[in-house]
């Protein structure tokens, strides 16, 4: 009974798990993403609550077997879907160390070394974004949603200094926030939680590149002012979830400056490109933002959860988030207590995995990965289009590719019919479980979406993708033609 294990038991279990993880990592270059469709199943009901314990080694082996043999493997080099990467092995080791030490980052007095590592990690990111010295503040978050919420909370603190204490009740003019039609839906969630209401978000139309339309944005701001609303902030996106589109950040910064608006950039995915000297030009203007979201658990190869929110107005962090408590007195230290500058209170040390990866591999390892991913994405684009079966739905900016089946255009299919065709192609493609891609909507049109995100993905994986996609498309079109012929 009880939870304690002796030294030999701990060592044996630890080695046992490390061996399974090591074998798993060795398999990732060729591991299928999931089981074939005929073998996928889910347990209908959970097992009963265990009243008594079982042999630890047997339980550990069983759960490893279940998760590895029957799981869905995002870390695989064949995962070509959403912005979920293969984690670095140093990050995996860091997660184990954090779980063992269990540092509490709410209070600086009780986490001096852990807090210093987090501050240093945030500083490294800020430096790549173009902010130096003490001109920034920030914190690790649970991900992009919390980081976006935090950036918008800072926008409120900037425009309404008493809001944290007094609330927003009684404002004569309704605050509104602007973003593109392609921006992440965490923004609606954030505005709802912050009390402004989801309807306070204005989704502005996009241009042919899926970027926010600046003319439409200017018009929307002017119309809101004429209606008695109060424009408060603009959220630009640096790498949209569906297409990787990058809003014109310098123009957005200029518009915010002219109208006195807070400028937040959601760079959860795309802002990682600043770690490449060659591709950081894609983020030109991001340094002009008032606050920025970046998720290392996307394009920087970190396991969940690792988001970051940064601001060049560190003096607003405590007005937005700070409280004093008797059980967490202020430390006599220039660094702030994290619970006073973030949404979270008790929280995990999510920075160590990123810090340790950089200490071991260095920034240039990220640069090499990002540059190679961009080249692979260009190669993928060329060979998929060479099949003659697809049109490019929007121009590629980062490592996401959006395709539309040419047959949809040639047959004059409706958008609903096109979405069904794309769904059938992806279902056929993923039937054997070897690789994984997805469908989504861009500019309110159905597209097939694929993405280079794993540092293990090589040209051979891309070649396989193009070959499988061609075969899947031809098979679906053959079936569609046969059904149409029978109906006639």
Protein backbone atom coordinates (compact mmCIF):
# COMPACT_ATOMS: atom_id res chain seq x y z
CA UNK A 1 0.00 0.00 0.00
CA UNK A 2 1.07 3.63 -0.39
CA UNK A 3 2.95 5.41 -3.14
CA UNK A 4 6.59 5.00 -2.21
CA UNK A 5 8.84 2.73 -4.24
CA UNK A 6 12.30 1.68 -3.15
CA UNK A 7 15.45 2.70 -5.02
CA UNK A 8 15.73 -0.56 -6.99
CA UNK A 9 12.07 -0.43 -8.06
CA UNK A 10 12.43 3.18 -9.19
CA UNK A 11 15.57 2.40 -11.15
CA UNK A 12 14.09 -0.66 -12.85
CA UNK A 13 10.88 1.12 -13.80
CA UNK A 14 12.79 4.16 -15.02
CA UNK A 15 15.11 2.09 -17.22
CA UNK A 16 12.13 0.10 -18.48
CA UNK A 17 10.31 3.26 -19.55
CA UNK A 18 13.41 4.88 -21.07
CA UNK A 19 13.99 1.74 -23.13
CA UNK A 20 10.42 1.89 -24.47
CA UNK A 21 10.74 5.60 -25.25
CA UNK A 22 14.11 5.04 -26.90
CA UNK A 23 12.70 2.26 -29.08
CA UNK A 24 9.74 4.47 -29.93
CA UNK A 25 11.97 7.37 -31.01
CA UNK A 26 14.02 4.95 -33.13
CA UNK A 27 10.82 3.97 -34.97
CA UNK A 28 9.51 7.45 -35.74
CA UNK A 29 11.14 7.92 -39.15
CA UNK A 30 9.05 5.06 -40.57
CA UNK A 31 6.24 4.55 -38.05
CA UNK A 32 2.69 4.75 -39.47
CA UNK A 33 0.64 7.53 -37.94
CA UNK A 34 -2.21 5.20 -37.00
CA UNK A 35 -3.55 1.71 -37.51
CA UNK A 36 -5.26 0.77 -40.78
CA UNK A 37 -8.92 1.73 -40.79
CA UNK A 38 -10.03 -1.90 -40.37
CA UNK A 39 -8.12 -2.18 -37.08
CA UNK A 40 -9.08 1.12 -35.45
CA UNK A 41 -11.36 0.70 -32.47
CA UNK A 42 -12.25 2.38 -29.21
CA UNK A 43 -13.20 0.75 -25.95
CA UNK A 44 -16.94 1.15 -25.49
CA UNK A 45 -16.82 1.80 -21.74
CA UNK A 46 -14.11 2.59 -19.18
CA UNK A 47 -12.85 -0.09 -16.83
CA UNK A 48 -13.84 -0.09 -13.18
CA UNK A 49 -11.97 2.08 -10.68
CA UNK A 50 -9.06 0.03 -9.30
CA UNK A 51 -9.52 -0.54 -5.57
CA UNK A 52 -6.19 -2.33 -5.16
CA UNK A 53 -2.97 -1.84 -7.02
CA UNK A 54 -1.29 -4.10 -9.59
CA UNK A 55 2.31 -4.91 -10.45
CA UNK A 56 3.92 -1.63 -11.57
CA UNK A 57 6.08 -3.15 -14.34
CA UNK A 58 3.10 -5.02 -15.82
CA UNK A 59 0.89 -1.94 -15.76
CA UNK A 60 3.63 0.22 -17.31
CA UNK A 61 4.26 -2.34 -20.05
CA UNK A 62 0.55 -2.61 -20.77
CA UNK A 63 -0.05 1.12 -21.12
CA UNK A 64 3.06 1.52 -23.31
CA UNK A 65 1.83 -1.28 -25.56
CA UNK A 66 -1.67 0.17 -25.77
CA UNK A 67 -0.49 3.70 -26.54
CA UNK A 68 2.30 2.74 -28.93
CA UNK A 69 0.73 -0.16 -30.80
CA UNK A 70 -2.77 1.30 -31.03
CA UNK A 71 -2.16 5.02 -30.72
CA UNK A 72 -2.20 7.98 -33.10
CA UNK A 73 1.41 9.08 -33.57
CA UNK A 74 1.84 12.80 -33.99
CA UNK A 75 5.66 12.50 -33.56
CA UNK A 76 5.94 10.30 -36.67
CA UNK A 77 7.78 11.68 -39.70
CA UNK A 78 4.67 10.61 -41.63
CA UNK A 79 2.43 13.00 -39.68
CA UNK A 80 1.81 15.77 -42.22
CA UNK A 81 -1.26 17.29 -40.66
CA UNK A 82 -1.66 20.07 -38.10
CA UNK A 83 1.04 22.11 -36.34
CA UNK A 84 1.98 19.34 -33.89
CA UNK A 85 5.67 18.38 -34.10
CA UNK A 86 8.05 15.60 -33.19
CA UNK A 87 9.39 16.71 -29.79
CA UNK A 88 13.12 16.92 -29.25
CA UNK A 89 14.48 14.17 -27.03
CA UNK A 90 16.05 16.75 -24.73
CA UNK A 91 12.56 18.18 -24.23
CA UNK A 92 11.30 14.73 -23.25
CA UNK A 93 14.06 14.42 -20.65
CA UNK A 94 13.30 17.94 -19.41
CA UNK A 95 9.64 17.01 -18.92
CA UNK A 96 10.66 14.04 -16.78
CA UNK A 97 12.94 16.25 -14.67
CA UNK A 98 10.23 18.88 -14.22
CA UNK A 99 7.72 16.23 -13.16
CA UNK A 100 10.19 14.89 -10.59
CA UNK A 101 11.22 18.26 -9.16
CA UNK A 102 7.71 19.71 -9.42
CA UNK A 103 8.77 23.38 -9.19
CA UNK A 104 6.03 25.89 -8.44
CA UNK A 105 6.54 29.00 -10.58
CA UNK A 106 3.85 31.11 -8.97
CA UNK A 107 6.29 32.45 -6.40
CA UNK A 108 9.81 33.60 -7.21
CA UNK A 109 10.89 32.98 -3.60
CA UNK A 110 10.12 29.29 -4.02
CA UNK A 111 11.45 28.83 -7.56
CA UNK A 112 14.47 31.08 -7.99
CA UNK A 113 16.38 28.87 -10.44
CA UNK A 114 13.26 27.77 -12.35
CA UNK A 115 12.07 31.37 -12.65
CA UNK A 116 15.50 32.50 -13.84
CA UNK A 117 15.48 29.84 -16.56
CA UNK A 118 12.02 30.94 -17.68
CA UNK A 119 13.04 34.61 -17.76
CA UNK A 120 16.14 33.73 -19.76
CA UNK A 121 14.10 31.65 -22.22
CA UNK A 122 11.59 34.46 -22.75
CA UNK A 123 14.51 36.81 -23.27
CA UNK A 124 16.02 34.59 -25.97
CA UNK A 125 12.70 34.66 -27.87
CA UNK A 126 12.30 38.40 -27.38
CA UNK A 127 15.77 38.98 -28.79
CA UNK A 128 14.95 37.05 -31.96
CA UNK A 129 11.74 39.06 -32.29
CA UNK A 130 13.73 42.30 -32.19
CA UNK A 131 13.30 43.35 -28.55
CA UNK A 132 16.43 43.81 -26.44
CA UNK A 133 17.42 44.61 -22.88
CA UNK A 134 14.65 45.32 -20.38
CA UNK A 135 12.18 46.51 -23.01
CA UNK A 136 10.01 43.40 -22.81
CA UNK A 137 8.08 41.21 -20.45
CA UNK A 138 6.40 37.89 -20.88
CA UNK A 139 5.62 34.45 -19.60
CA UNK A 140 5.24 30.87 -20.72
CA UNK A 141 1.62 29.82 -21.12
CA UNK A 142 -0.37 26.66 -21.68
CA UNK A 143 -0.57 27.52 -25.39
CA UNK A 144 -1.79 30.03 -27.94
CA UNK A 145 -5.27 30.44 -26.48
CA UNK A 146 -3.95 31.56 -23.11
CA UNK A 147 -1.31 33.73 -24.79
CA UNK A 148 -3.92 35.43 -27.00
CA UNK A 149 -6.19 35.95 -24.01
CA UNK A 150 -3.27 37.49 -22.12
CA UNK A 151 -2.43 39.85 -24.99
CA UNK A 152 -6.04 41.03 -25.14
CA UNK A 153 -6.10 41.44 -21.34
CA UNK A 154 -3.11 43.78 -21.74
CA UNK A 155 -5.00 45.69 -24.43
CA UNK A 156 -7.84 46.21 -21.95
CA UNK A 157 -5.43 47.31 -19.21
CA UNK A 158 -3.86 49.76 -21.63
CA UNK A 159 -7.16 51.31 -22.76
CA UNK A 160 -9.06 50.99 -19.46
CA UNK A 161 -6.60 51.16 -16.54
CA UNK A 162 -9.28 50.54 -13.91
CA UNK A 163 -10.88 47.59 -15.66
CA UNK A 164 -9.12 44.87 -13.65
CA UNK A 165 -10.65 46.23 -10.44
CA UNK A 166 -13.81 47.98 -11.61
CA UNK A 167 -14.79 45.88 -14.63
CA UNK A 168 -16.12 47.20 -17.93
CA UNK A 169 -19.68 47.88 -16.83
CA UNK A 170 -20.86 51.37 -17.61
CA UNK A 171 -18.61 52.13 -20.58
CA UNK A 172 -20.30 54.63 -22.87
CA UNK A 173 -18.82 53.03 -25.99
CA UNK A 174 -18.49 49.33 -26.72
CA UNK A 175 -14.87 48.17 -27.18
CA UNK A 176 -14.26 46.21 -30.39
CA UNK A 177 -11.32 44.17 -31.71
CA UNK A 178 -10.40 43.46 -35.33
CA UNK A 179 -8.84 40.42 -36.95
CA UNK A 180 -8.99 38.57 -40.25
CA UNK A 181 -11.64 36.08 -41.28
CA UNK A 182 -8.87 33.43 -41.20
CA UNK A 183 -7.62 34.14 -37.66
CA UNK A 184 -7.81 31.55 -34.88
CA UNK A 185 -11.10 31.13 -33.04
CA UNK A 186 -9.37 31.39 -29.68
CA UNK A 187 -9.94 35.13 -30.11
CA UNK A 188 -13.71 34.75 -29.76
CA UNK A 189 -13.18 32.54 -26.74
CA UNK A 190 -10.81 35.09 -25.20
CA UNK A 191 -13.14 38.04 -25.67
CA UNK A 192 -15.99 36.04 -24.18
CA UNK A 193 -13.91 35.17 -21.11
CA UNK A 194 -12.66 38.75 -20.75
CA UNK A 195 -16.21 40.08 -20.61
CA UNK A 196 -16.18 41.99 -23.88
CA UNK A 197 -18.30 39.35 -25.55
CA UNK A 198 -17.56 37.28 -28.63
CA UNK A 199 -19.55 39.71 -30.75
CA UNK A 200 -16.93 42.35 -29.99
CA UNK A 201 -14.66 40.64 -32.51
CA UNK A 202 -14.85 42.02 -36.05
CA UNK A 203 -13.70 39.46 -38.60
CA UNK A 204 -12.45 41.39 -41.61
CA UNK A 205 -12.49 39.89 -45.14
CA UNK A 206 -9.25 38.63 -46.64
CA UNK A 207 -7.61 39.10 -50.03
CA UNK A 208 -6.64 36.43 -52.56
CA UNK A 209 -3.60 35.51 -50.42
CA UNK A 210 -5.86 34.89 -47.38
CA UNK A 211 -4.37 37.98 -45.66
CA UNK A 212 -6.47 40.63 -43.96
CA UNK A 213 -7.79 43.20 -46.46
CA UNK A 214 -6.38 46.56 -45.33
CA UNK A 215 -8.98 48.63 -47.21
CA UNK A 216 -11.81 46.64 -45.63
CA UNK A 217 -10.14 46.98 -42.22
CA UNK A 218 -9.85 50.77 -42.48
CA UNK A 219 -13.50 50.94 -43.51
CA UNK A 220 -14.57 48.70 -40.62
CA UNK A 221 -12.74 50.88 -38.06
CA UNK A 222 -14.32 54.03 -39.48
CA UNK A 223 -17.80 52.48 -39.54
CA UNK A 224 -17.51 51.35 -35.92
CA UNK A 225 -16.46 54.80 -34.79
CA UNK A 226 -19.42 56.28 -36.65
CA UNK A 227 -21.74 53.83 -34.85
CA UNK A 228 -20.40 54.82 -31.44
CA UNK A 229 -18.19 51.77 -30.84
CA UNK A 230 -14.65 52.09 -29.48
CA UNK A 231 -11.94 50.39 -31.59
CA UNK A 232 -9.50 48.94 -29.04
CA UNK A 233 -7.13 46.47 -30.72
CA UNK A 234 -6.14 44.72 -33.91
CA UNK A 235 -4.91 41.13 -33.94
CA UNK A 236 -2.70 40.28 -36.88
CA UNK A 237 -1.90 36.65 -37.64
CA UNK A 238 1.59 35.48 -38.56
CA UNK A 239 0.84 32.04 -39.95
CA UNK A 240 -2.86 31.16 -39.91
CA UNK A 241 -3.85 27.67 -38.79
CA UNK A 242 -5.50 26.64 -42.03
CA UNK A 243 -3.21 28.15 -44.68
CA UNK A 244 -0.16 29.73 -43.02
CA UNK A 245 -1.11 33.18 -44.34
CA UNK A 246 0.79 36.13 -42.87
CA UNK A 247 -1.06 39.40 -42.43
CA UNK A 248 0.78 42.59 -43.54
CA UNK A 249 2.30 43.33 -40.14
CA UNK A 250 3.97 46.70 -40.94
CA UNK A 251 0.73 48.09 -42.39
CA UNK A 252 -1.24 46.84 -39.40
CA UNK A 253 1.27 48.45 -37.04
CA UNK A 254 0.94 51.74 -38.92
CA UNK A 255 -2.85 51.63 -38.78
CA UNK A 256 -2.73 50.90 -35.03
CA UNK A 257 -0.36 53.81 -34.50
CA UNK A 258 -2.58 56.21 -36.45
CA UNK A 259 -5.73 55.16 -34.60
CA UNK A 260 -4.25 54.61 -31.15
CA UNK A 261 -5.02 50.86 -31.10
CA UNK A 262 -3.26 48.00 -29.35
CA UNK A 263 -1.46 45.71 -31.82
CA UNK A 264 -1.33 42.04 -30.91
CA UNK A 265 0.25 39.46 -33.25
CA UNK A 266 -0.81 35.83 -33.05
CA UNK A 267 2.39 34.20 -34.26
CA UNK A 268 1.73 30.90 -32.50
CA UNK A 269 2.95 29.00 -35.56
CA UNK A 270 4.70 31.37 -37.95
CA UNK A 271 6.66 33.56 -35.52
CA UNK A 272 9.06 30.64 -34.98
CA UNK A 273 10.58 31.57 -38.36
CA UNK A 274 12.51 34.35 -36.57
CA UNK A 275 14.91 31.61 -35.42
CA UNK A 276 16.10 31.37 -39.03
CA UNK A 277 18.28 34.24 -40.26
CA UNK A 278 17.17 33.43 -43.79
CA UNK A 279 13.42 33.39 -43.15
CA UNK A 280 12.94 35.89 -40.32
CA UNK A 281 12.14 38.45 -43.06
CA UNK A 282 8.73 36.78 -43.24
CA UNK A 283 8.01 38.32 -39.83
CA UNK A 284 9.06 41.86 -40.78
CA UNK A 285 7.07 44.27 -38.62
CA UNK A 286 6.41 41.84 -35.77
CA UNK A 287 8.76 43.88 -33.57
CA UNK A 288 6.24 46.74 -33.82
CA UNK A 289 3.57 44.73 -32.00
CA UNK A 290 2.52 45.58 -28.47
CA UNK A 291 2.13 41.91 -27.61
CA UNK A 292 2.95 38.63 -29.36
CA UNK A 293 1.92 34.99 -29.11
CA UNK A 294 4.42 32.26 -30.01
CA UNK A 295 3.95 28.53 -29.36
CA UNK A 296 7.17 26.50 -29.09
CA UNK A 297 4.94 23.39 -29.14
CA UNK A 298 4.24 24.11 -32.79
CA UNK A 299 7.22 24.86 -35.07
CA UNK A 300 9.91 24.71 -32.37
CA UNK A 301 9.57 20.96 -31.71
CA UNK A 302 8.35 21.11 -28.11
CA UNK A 303 5.88 18.67 -26.54
CA UNK A 304 2.65 20.09 -25.16
CA UNK A 305 2.29 22.43 -23.43
CA UNK A 306 4.54 25.35 -24.33
CA UNK A 307 3.12 28.70 -25.36
CA UNK A 308 4.63 32.14 -24.78
CA UNK A 309 3.13 35.62 -24.50
CA UNK A 310 5.49 38.57 -24.84
CA UNK A 311 4.94 42.32 -24.61
CA UNK A 312 7.05 45.43 -25.05
CA UNK A 313 5.01 47.08 -22.28
CA UNK A 314 6.13 45.10 -19.22
CA UNK A 315 4.69 47.76 -16.91
CA UNK A 316 1.17 46.65 -17.88
CA UNK A 317 1.58 43.06 -16.72
CA UNK A 318 0.93 43.66 -13.01
CA UNK A 319 -2.00 46.06 -13.58
CA UNK A 320 -3.60 43.38 -15.76
CA UNK A 321 -2.84 40.28 -13.69
CA UNK A 322 -1.33 41.27 -10.35
CA UNK A 323 -2.67 40.66 -6.87
CA UNK A 324 -1.10 40.68 -3.40
CA UNK A 325 -1.57 37.78 -1.01
CA UNK A 326 -0.44 37.07 2.55
CA UNK A 327 0.68 33.53 1.69
CA UNK A 328 2.84 34.61 -1.28
CA UNK A 329 4.67 37.75 -0.13
CA UNK A 330 6.72 39.71 -2.65
CA UNK A 331 10.32 38.64 -3.06
CA UNK A 332 13.14 41.17 -2.80
CA UNK A 333 14.22 40.52 -6.38
CA UNK A 334 14.03 42.45 -9.65
CA UNK A 335 12.12 39.59 -11.31
CA UNK A 336 8.35 39.54 -10.67
CA UNK A 337 6.39 36.68 -9.17
CA UNK A 338 4.82 34.88 -12.10
CA UNK A 339 1.33 34.78 -10.64
CA UNK A 340 1.38 38.59 -10.71
CA UNK A 341 2.17 38.79 -14.44
CA UNK A 342 0.15 35.94 -15.95
CA UNK A 343 -3.27 34.32 -16.06
CA UNK A 344 -2.10 31.21 -14.24
CA UNK A 345 -1.41 30.93 -10.53
CA UNK A 346 0.04 27.56 -9.57
CA UNK A 347 1.76 26.42 -12.71
CA UNK A 348 4.24 24.06 -14.27
CA UNK A 349 7.75 24.88 -15.48
CA UNK A 350 7.05 24.74 -19.22
CA UNK A 351 10.24 26.59 -20.13
CA UNK A 352 12.86 23.96 -19.19
CA UNK A 353 12.32 21.80 -22.30
CA UNK A 354 12.88 24.78 -24.59
CA UNK A 355 15.83 26.10 -22.58
CA UNK A 356 17.48 22.69 -22.42
CA UNK A 357 16.99 22.07 -26.15
CA UNK A 358 18.64 25.40 -26.97
CA UNK A 359 21.49 24.79 -24.52
CA UNK A 360 22.22 21.38 -26.07
CA UNK A 361 21.53 22.03 -29.77
CA UNK A 362 21.68 25.83 -30.17
CA UNK A 363 19.69 28.25 -32.32
CA UNK A 364 21.35 27.08 -35.51
CA UNK A 365 19.69 23.68 -35.14
CA UNK A 366 16.34 25.46 -35.33
CA UNK A 367 17.56 27.50 -38.28
CA UNK A 368 18.57 24.35 -40.12
CA UNK A 369 15.20 22.73 -39.40
CA UNK A 370 13.14 25.76 -40.48
CA UNK A 371 15.17 26.27 -43.68
CA UNK A 372 14.87 22.58 -44.54
CA UNK A 373 11.13 22.60 -43.83
CA UNK A 374 10.63 25.55 -46.16
CA UNK A 375 12.56 23.76 -48.91
CA UNK A 376 10.57 20.56 -48.36
CA UNK A 377 7.29 22.48 -48.50
CA UNK A 378 8.34 23.98 -51.84
CA UNK A 379 9.28 20.51 -53.10
CA UNK A 380 5.95 19.11 -51.93
CA UNK A 381 4.11 21.89 -53.72
CA UNK A 382 5.94 21.22 -56.98
CA UNK A 383 5.48 17.46 -57.09
CA UNK A 384 1.83 17.50 -56.02
CA UNK A 385 0.94 20.11 -58.63
CA UNK A 386 2.90 18.09 -61.19
CA UNK A 387 0.34 15.29 -60.85
CA UNK A 388 -2.10 17.56 -62.70
CA UNK A 389 -4.86 16.68 -60.25
CA UNK A 390 -4.82 19.76 -58.04
CA UNK A 391 -4.95 23.53 -58.01
CA UNK A 392 -3.21 25.61 -55.36
CA UNK A 393 -6.00 27.21 -53.33
CA UNK A 394 -3.88 30.08 -51.95
CA UNK A 395 -0.19 30.97 -52.34
CA UNK A 396 2.03 29.11 -49.87
CA UNK A 397 3.88 31.34 -47.38
CA UNK A 398 5.22 28.89 -44.79
CA UNK A 399 5.06 25.08 -44.69
CA UNK A 400 1.28 24.59 -45.13
CA UNK A 401 -0.10 23.62 -48.52
CA UNK A 402 -3.78 24.10 -49.47
CA UNK A 403 -5.09 22.19 -52.48
CA UNK A 404 -8.36 21.90 -54.37
CA UNK A 405 -9.08 18.95 -56.62
CA UNK A 406 -9.14 20.09 -60.26
CA UNK A 407 -12.03 17.71 -60.87
CA UNK A 408 -14.23 19.90 -58.69
CA UNK A 409 -13.64 22.85 -61.02
CA UNK A 410 -13.85 20.81 -64.20
CA UNK A 411 -17.11 19.12 -63.15
CA UNK A 412 -18.61 22.36 -61.83
CA UNK A 413 -19.16 20.90 -58.35
CA UNK A 414 -20.79 23.01 -55.64
CA UNK A 415 -18.77 23.77 -52.52
CA UNK A 416 -20.70 21.11 -50.60
CA UNK A 417 -19.93 18.56 -53.32
CA UNK A 418 -16.29 19.67 -53.41
CA UNK A 419 -16.01 19.27 -49.64
CA UNK A 420 -17.40 15.75 -49.95
CA UNK A 421 -14.90 14.95 -52.70
CA UNK A 422 -12.00 16.28 -50.61
CA UNK A 423 -13.22 14.32 -47.60
CA UNK A 424 -13.38 11.12 -49.63
CA UNK A 425 -9.87 11.68 -51.01
CA UNK A 426 -8.43 12.21 -47.52
CA UNK A 427 -10.32 9.18 -46.16
CA UNK A 428 -8.88 7.05 -48.97
CA UNK A 429 -5.41 8.53 -48.39
CA UNK A 430 -5.46 7.76 -44.65
CA UNK A 431 -7.10 4.33 -44.99
CA UNK A 432 -3.85 2.37 -44.50
CA UNK A 433 -2.77 4.58 -41.57
CA UNK A 434 0.70 5.22 -42.99
CA UNK A 435 0.41 9.01 -43.33
CA UNK A 436 -2.03 11.66 -42.18
CA UNK A 437 -3.33 14.86 -43.81
CA UNK A 438 -6.62 16.70 -43.32
CA UNK A 439 -9.26 18.96 -44.79
CA UNK A 440 -10.22 22.48 -43.74
CA UNK A 441 -11.74 25.66 -45.14
CA UNK A 442 -9.83 28.69 -46.42
CA UNK A 443 -11.62 31.78 -47.74
CA UNK A 444 -14.78 29.82 -46.92
CA UNK A 445 -13.91 27.15 -49.48
CA UNK A 446 -13.06 23.50 -48.89
CA UNK A 447 -9.38 22.59 -49.26
CA UNK A 448 -7.11 19.63 -48.62
CA UNK A 449 -4.46 20.67 -46.11
CA UNK A 450 -0.98 19.25 -45.56
CA UNK A 451 2.01 20.55 -43.65
CA UNK A 452 5.71 19.91 -43.05
CA UNK A 453 6.22 20.08 -39.27
CA UNK A 454 8.42 17.16 -38.08
CA UNK A 455 12.20 17.52 -38.02
CA UNK A 456 12.30 13.85 -39.09
CA UNK A 457 10.39 14.35 -42.35
CA UNK A 458 12.58 13.84 -45.43
CA UNK A 459 12.07 14.04 -49.21
CA UNK A 460 11.15 10.33 -49.26
CA UNK A 461 8.17 11.00 -46.99
CA UNK A 462 7.09 13.83 -49.28
CA UNK A 463 7.48 11.58 -52.35
CA UNK A 464 5.31 8.97 -50.66
CA UNK A 465 2.70 11.61 -49.83
CA UNK A 466 2.47 12.77 -53.46
CA UNK A 467 2.25 9.20 -54.73
CA UNK A 468 -0.41 8.20 -52.22
CA UNK A 469 -2.41 11.37 -52.81
CA UNK A 470 -2.40 10.77 -56.57
CA UNK A 471 -3.53 7.17 -56.11
CA UNK A 472 -6.22 8.13 -53.59
CA UNK A 473 -7.58 10.87 -55.85
CA UNK A 474 -7.68 8.62 -58.91
CA UNK A 475 -9.42 5.88 -56.92
CA UNK A 476 -12.09 8.25 -55.63
CA UNK A 477 -12.63 9.80 -59.07
CA UNK A 478 -12.91 6.34 -60.61
CA UNK A 479 -15.57 5.38 -58.07
CA UNK A 480 -17.38 8.69 -58.62
CA UNK A 481 -17.37 8.15 -62.39
CA UNK A 482 -18.69 4.61 -62.00
CA UNK A 483 -21.53 5.78 -59.75
CA UNK A 484 -22.41 8.60 -62.17
CA UNK A 485 -22.41 6.17 -65.11
CA UNK A 486 -24.74 3.73 -63.31
CA UNK A 487 -27.16 6.56 -62.49
CA UNK A 488 -27.31 7.49 -66.15
